[in-house]
Each structure stands twice: as C-alpha cells, then as structure tokens.
C-alpha atoms as a PDB file:
ATOM      1  CA  MET A   1     202.023 127.762 129.245  1.00  0.00           C
ATOM      2  CA  ALA A   2     201.627 131.449 130.022  1.00  0.00           C
ATOM      3  CA  GLU A   3     205.004 131.370 131.722  1.00  0.00           C
ATOM      4  CA  ARG A   4     206.667 130.079 128.557  1.00  0.00           C
ATOM      5  CA  LYS A   5     205.154 132.877 126.481  1.00  0.00           C
ATOM      6  CA  ALA A   6     206.281 135.469 128.993  1.00  0.00           C
ATOM      7  CA  GLU A   7     209.714 133.883 129.114  1.00  0.00           C
ATOM      8  CA  LYS A   8     209.915 133.810 125.320  1.00  0.00           C
ATOM      9  CA  ALA A   9     208.778 137.437 125.107  1.00  0.00           C
ATOM     10  CA  GLU A  10     211.563 138.475 127.450  1.00  0.00           C
ATOM     11  CA  LYS A  11     214.171 136.709 125.292  1.00  0.00           C
ATOM     12  CA  THR A  12     212.794 138.092 121.993  1.00  0.00           C
ATOM     13  CA  PRO A  13     214.610 141.295 121.150  1.00  0.00           C
ATOM     14  CA  THR A  14     212.378 144.172 120.138  1.00  0.00           C
ATOM     15  CA  PHE A  15     213.140 146.555 117.331  1.00  0.00           C
ATOM     16  CA  SER A  16     213.275 150.284 117.775  1.00  0.00           C
ATOM     17  CA  ALA A  17     210.869 152.507 115.895  1.00  0.00           C
ATOM     18  CA  ALA A  18     213.700 153.501 113.543  1.00  0.00           C
ATOM     19  CA  GLU A  19     214.520 149.855 112.843  1.00  0.00           C
ATOM     20  CA  ARG A  20     210.868 149.016 112.156  1.00  0.00           C
ATOM     21  CA  ALA A  21     210.614 152.022 109.840  1.00  0.00           C
ATOM     22  CA  ALA A  22     213.770 150.892 108.015  1.00  0.00           C
ATOM     23  CA  MET A  23     212.340 147.380 107.588  1.00  0.00           C
ATOM     24  CA  LYS A  24     209.101 148.821 106.199  1.00  0.00           C
ATOM     25  CA  GLU A  25     211.073 150.966 103.742  1.00  0.00           C
ATOM     26  CA  TYR A  26     213.121 147.957 102.683  1.00  0.00           C
ATOM     27  CA  ALA A  27     209.958 145.928 102.072  1.00  0.00           C
ATOM     28  CA  ALA A  28     208.465 148.807 100.058  1.00  0.00           C
ATOM     29  CA  GLU A  29     211.657 149.057  97.978  1.00  0.00           C
ATOM     30  CA  LYS A  30     211.495 145.322  97.247  1.00  0.00           C
ATOM     31  CA  ARG A  31     207.836 145.642  96.174  1.00  0.00           C
ATOM     32  CA  ARG A  32     208.670 148.571  93.890  1.00  0.00           C
ATOM     33  CA  ALA A  33     211.586 146.663  92.353  1.00  0.00           C
ATOM     34  CA  ALA A  34     209.392 143.610  91.748  1.00  0.00           C
ATOM     35  CA  SER A  35     206.713 145.805  90.189  1.00  0.00           C
ATOM     36  CA  ARG A  36     209.303 147.490  87.951  1.00  0.00           C
ATOM     37  CA  GLU A  37     210.695 144.107  86.879  1.00  0.00           C
ATOM     38  CA  LYS A  38     207.178 142.858  86.138  1.00  0.00           C
ATOM     39  CA  LYS A  39     206.436 145.958  84.041  1.00  0.00           C
ATOM     40  CA  GLU A  40     209.722 145.624  82.136  1.00  0.00           C
ATOM     41  CA  ALA A  41     208.984 141.947  81.458  1.00  0.00           C
ATOM     42  CA  LYS A  42     205.516 142.838  80.154  1.00  0.00           C
ATOM     43  CA  LEU A  43     206.925 145.538  77.863  1.00  0.00           C
ATOM     44  CA  ALA A  44     209.516 143.088  76.526  1.00  0.00           C
ATOM     45  CA  ALA A  45     206.828 140.433  75.971  1.00  0.00           C
ATOM     46  CA  ASP A  46     204.600 142.970  74.182  1.00  0.00           C
ATOM     47  CA  ALA A  47     207.475 144.080  71.941  1.00  0.00           C
ATOM     48  CA  GLN A  48     208.289 140.456  71.118  1.00  0.00           C
ATOM     49  CA  ALA A  49     204.635 139.691  70.331  1.00  0.00           C
ATOM     50  CA  PHE A  50     204.610 142.720  68.019  1.00  0.00           C
ATOM     51  CA  ALA A  51     207.785 141.568  66.231  1.00  0.00           C
ATOM     52  CA  ASP A  52     206.436 138.020  65.939  1.00  0.00           C
ATOM     53  CA  ALA A  53     203.113 139.262  64.539  1.00  0.00           C
ATOM     54  CA  VAL A  54     204.881 141.342  61.873  1.00  0.00           C
ATOM     55  CA  ALA A  55     207.283 138.519  60.976  1.00  0.00           C
ATOM     56  CA  ALA A  56     204.393 136.057  60.553  1.00  0.00           C
ATOM     57  CA  LEU A  57     202.589 138.231  57.999  1.00  0.00           C
ATOM     58  CA  PRO A  58     202.579 137.246  54.337  1.00  0.00           C
ATOM     59  CA  GLU A  59     203.645 139.764  51.697  1.00  0.00           C
ATOM     60  CA  PRO A  60     202.646 142.526  51.001  1.00  0.00           C
ATOM     61  CA  ASP A  61     201.275 142.850  54.567  1.00  0.00           C
ATOM     62  CA  ARG A  62     204.724 142.305  56.094  1.00  0.00           C
ATOM     63  CA  THR A  63     206.280 145.154  54.107  1.00  0.00           C
ATOM     64  CA  ILE A  64     203.367 147.443  54.962  1.00  0.00           C
ATOM     65  CA  ALA A  65     203.663 146.488  58.660  1.00  0.00           C
ATOM     66  CA  GLU A  66     207.414 147.129  58.664  1.00  0.00           C
ATOM     67  CA  ARG A  67     206.939 150.580  57.108  1.00  0.00           C
ATOM     68  CA  PHE A  68     204.064 151.287  59.514  1.00  0.00           C
ATOM     69  CA  ASP A  69     206.361 150.328  62.419  1.00  0.00           C
ATOM     70  CA  ALA A  70     209.145 152.632  61.203  1.00  0.00           C
ATOM     71  CA  ILE A  71     206.748 155.545  60.662  1.00  0.00           C
ATOM     72  CA  VAL A  72     205.139 155.270  64.101  1.00  0.00           C
ATOM     73  CA  ARG A  73     208.462 154.858  65.911  1.00  0.00           C
ATOM     74  CA  ALA A  74     209.847 157.958  64.143  1.00  0.00           C
ATOM     75  CA  ALA A  75     206.720 160.073  64.638  1.00  0.00           C
ATOM     76  CA  ALA A  76     206.007 158.994  68.210  1.00  0.00           C
ATOM     77  CA  PRO A  77     208.971 157.293  69.893  1.00  0.00           C
ATOM     78  CA  ASP A  78     207.153 157.184  73.248  1.00  0.00           C
ATOM     79  CA  LEU A  79     204.447 154.851  71.927  1.00  0.00           C
ATOM     80  CA  LEU A  80     204.914 151.218  72.899  1.00  0.00           C
ATOM     81  CA  PRO A  81     204.648 148.322  70.434  1.00  0.00           C
ATOM     82  CA  ARG A  82     202.185 145.565  71.279  1.00  0.00           C
ATOM     83  CA  THR A  83     199.483 143.557  69.609  1.00  0.00           C
ATOM     84  CA  MET A  84     195.738 144.016  69.585  1.00  0.00           C
ATOM     85  CA  TYR A  85     193.811 140.887  68.645  1.00  0.00           C
ATOM     86  CA  GLY A  86     197.051 139.588  67.144  1.00  0.00           C
ATOM     87  CA  MET A  87     197.545 142.679  64.973  1.00  0.00           C
ATOM     88  CA  PRO A  88     200.489 145.119  65.233  1.00  0.00           C
ATOM     89  CA  ALA A  89     199.560 148.104  67.390  1.00  0.00           C
ATOM     90  CA  PHE A  90     201.046 150.897  69.463  1.00  0.00           C
ATOM     91  CA  SER A  91     199.820 152.099  72.838  1.00  0.00           C
ATOM     92  CA  ASP A  92     200.412 155.079  75.073  1.00  0.00           C
ATOM     93  CA  GLY A  93     201.185 152.665  77.898  1.00  0.00           C
ATOM     94  CA  GLN A  94     197.573 152.045  78.778  1.00  0.00           C
ATOM     95  CA  LYS A  95     195.372 152.042  75.696  1.00  0.00           C
ATOM     96  CA  VAL A  96     196.059 151.217  72.064  1.00  0.00           C
ATOM     97  CA  LEU A  97     196.283 154.415  70.042  1.00  0.00           C
ATOM     98  CA  VAL A  98     196.982 153.176  66.502  1.00  0.00           C
ATOM     99  CA  PHE A  99     196.949 149.735  64.901  1.00  0.00           C
ATOM    100  CA  LEU A 100     197.436 147.978  61.581  1.00  0.00           C
ATOM    101  CA  GLN A 101     194.873 145.447  60.436  1.00  0.00           C
ATOM    102  CA  PRO A 102     196.618 143.379  57.750  1.00  0.00           C
ATOM    103  CA  ALA A 103     194.591 142.492  54.668  1.00  0.00           C
ATOM    104  CA  SER A 104     195.368 138.817  55.242  1.00  0.00           C
ATOM    105  CA  LYS A 105     193.778 138.912  58.715  1.00  0.00           C
ATOM    106  CA  PHE A 106     190.264 138.909  57.272  1.00  0.00           C
ATOM    107  CA  GLY A 107     190.969 138.105  53.619  1.00  0.00           C
ATOM    108  CA  VAL A 108     190.219 141.585  52.310  1.00  0.00           C
ATOM    109  CA  ARG A 109     191.943 143.490  49.518  1.00  0.00           C
ATOM    110  CA  TYR A 110     193.636 146.199  51.616  1.00  0.00           C
ATOM    111  CA  ALA A 111     195.284 146.659  54.998  1.00  0.00           C
ATOM    112  CA  THR A 112     193.798 149.187  57.370  1.00  0.00           C
ATOM    113  CA  VAL A 113     195.542 151.664  59.634  1.00  0.00           C
ATOM    114  CA  GLY A 114     193.131 152.525  62.405  1.00  0.00           C
ATOM    115  CA  PHE A 115     193.059 154.912  65.325  1.00  0.00           C
ATOM    116  CA  GLN A 116     191.216 154.339  68.587  1.00  0.00           C
ATOM    117  CA  ASP A 117     188.992 156.993  70.164  1.00  0.00           C
ATOM    118  CA  ASN A 118     191.776 158.192  72.485  1.00  0.00           C
ATOM    119  CA  ALA A 119     193.645 159.404  69.380  1.00  0.00           C
ATOM    120  CA  ALA A 120     191.234 162.351  69.223  1.00  0.00           C
ATOM    121  CA  LEU A 121     191.646 163.074  65.524  1.00  0.00           C
ATOM    122  CA  ASP A 122     188.465 165.130  65.744  1.00  0.00           C
ATOM    123  CA  ASP A 123     187.846 167.373  62.752  1.00  0.00           C
ATOM    124  CA  GLY A 124     184.394 168.906  63.059  1.00  0.00           C
ATOM    125  CA  PRO A 125     181.299 166.717  63.442  1.00  0.00           C
ATOM    126  CA  MET A 126     182.742 163.849  61.311  1.00  0.00           C
ATOM    127  CA  TRP A 127     186.238 162.463  60.689  1.00  0.00           C
ATOM    128  CA  ALA A 128     188.026 159.349  59.536  1.00  0.00           C
ATOM    129  CA  THR A 129     189.463 156.925  62.096  1.00  0.00           C
ATOM    130  CA  SER A 130     190.730 154.263  59.706  1.00  0.00           C
ATOM    131  CA  TYR A 131     192.494 154.326  56.380  1.00  0.00           C
ATOM    132  CA  ALA A 132     192.775 151.692  53.642  1.00  0.00           C
ATOM    133  CA  VAL A 133     196.395 151.046  52.664  1.00  0.00           C
ATOM    134  CA  LEU A 134     197.515 149.120  49.586  1.00  0.00           C
ATOM    135  CA  ASP A 135     201.137 150.254  49.750  1.00  0.00           C
ATOM    136  CA  ILE A 136     203.184 152.772  51.707  1.00  0.00           C
ATOM    137  CA  ASP A 137     204.937 155.106  49.298  1.00  0.00           C
ATOM    138  CA  ASP A 138     206.438 158.453  50.309  1.00  0.00           C
ATOM    139  CA  ALA A 139     203.104 160.308  50.135  1.00  0.00           C
ATOM    140  CA  VAL A 140     201.318 157.684  52.240  1.00  0.00           C
ATOM    141  CA  ALA A 141     204.221 157.647  54.707  1.00  0.00           C
ATOM    142  CA  ALA A 142     204.009 161.431  55.076  1.00  0.00           C
ATOM    143  CA  ARG A 143     200.243 161.269  55.656  1.00  0.00           C
ATOM    144  CA  LEU A 144     200.594 158.482  58.245  1.00  0.00           C
ATOM    145  CA  ASP A 145     203.361 160.444  59.979  1.00  0.00           C
ATOM    146  CA  GLU A 146     201.061 163.466  60.206  1.00  0.00           C
ATOM    147  CA  LEU A 147     198.133 161.382  61.495  1.00  0.00           C
ATOM    148  CA  VAL A 148     200.227 159.649  64.158  1.00  0.00           C
ATOM    149  CA  ARG A 149     201.624 162.974  65.350  1.00  0.00           C
ATOM    150  CA  ARG A 150     198.109 164.446  65.539  1.00  0.00           C
ATOM    151  CA  ALA A 151     196.845 161.330  67.311  1.00  0.00           C
ATOM    152  CA  VAL A 152     199.555 161.521  69.956  1.00  0.00           C
ATOM    153  CA  ALA A 153     198.978 165.251  70.469  1.00  0.00           C
ATOM    154  CA  GLY A 154     195.213 164.661  70.720  1.00  0.00           C
ATOM    155  CA  ALA A 155     195.672 161.815  73.183  1.00  0.00           C
ATOM    156  CA  THR A 156     197.894 164.024  75.342  1.00  0.00           C
ATOM    157  CA  GLU A 157     195.368 166.861  75.365  1.00  0.00           C
ATOM    158  CA  GLY A 158     192.363 164.632  76.023  1.00  0.00           C
END
C-alpha cells in the first residue's frame, strides 16, 4: 500500500512556486468576479423592488413617490434605490439614508419623507428628521432637494 502511494507520488507532477502562485491568483480573481456579480445582482434586485413598490402605490402616493425619486436622484446620484419595509428608500450602499412612507401604507392623511440618523441633519439640540408631504410642488421639491443634499453631506462627514 505504501509502495503504491510512493509510486503515485513519483508520477504526480508537482507545480512550481510560480505556478502555485498563479493558481492562487486565478482563484482569487474568480472569487472577486463572483462577489462583484453577486453585488450587481443585489443592486439590480433592489432597484427593481423600488420600482415595483412605487408602481404599486395608489394615487396620490404614486405621484409623490415618483417626484421624490426624481428629486433624490438629481440631488444625490450616488444614492442607491431600494426598499425599507416595502417603502421606497435610498441608501448610501450600506444604510438607508432617506425614505418615503406613503400615506396609504398606514392609512394616514399624508405621506412622510424621513431621514435616518446617518443623515446627520443636526441643527442645534433639536431638529426634524421627517416631513409630512401632501403634494410635491416646486417649493416642496426645492426644500427636499436641499434636505437630501445636506443629508448626503452629513452622512459623508459623519
């Protein structure tokens, strides 16, 4: 039995250190590619869930969500669309930064645009982190644009 192993070992070619290093690099490249593909698939799934959540909303929530989407994408193109508890939201890649809670979600009279703590909208010892929205006109759009820009800047600093 030992003879067979020794015989087999003699017939088995060995790889040089450079060849082993190349194989390790190749395996690492394959792992990185798989990880990248997995991340891209997750981003695509998140974006689709976001689009589906907006499309499923009744009026006027759908119109508000569509305007919210356009405002956030213009103010902070690096934020990623996703959902949070089934509601349209945008994240910095790790944590949700800003979200829209449609009025229809809980049967209330207004939608809410909310910011998570990583938005860092700090303004003294007390500040607002959510805003009631009945409609998005030009003035509301401008205010949301400003808030999203501040939130992104605060998240980057913090």
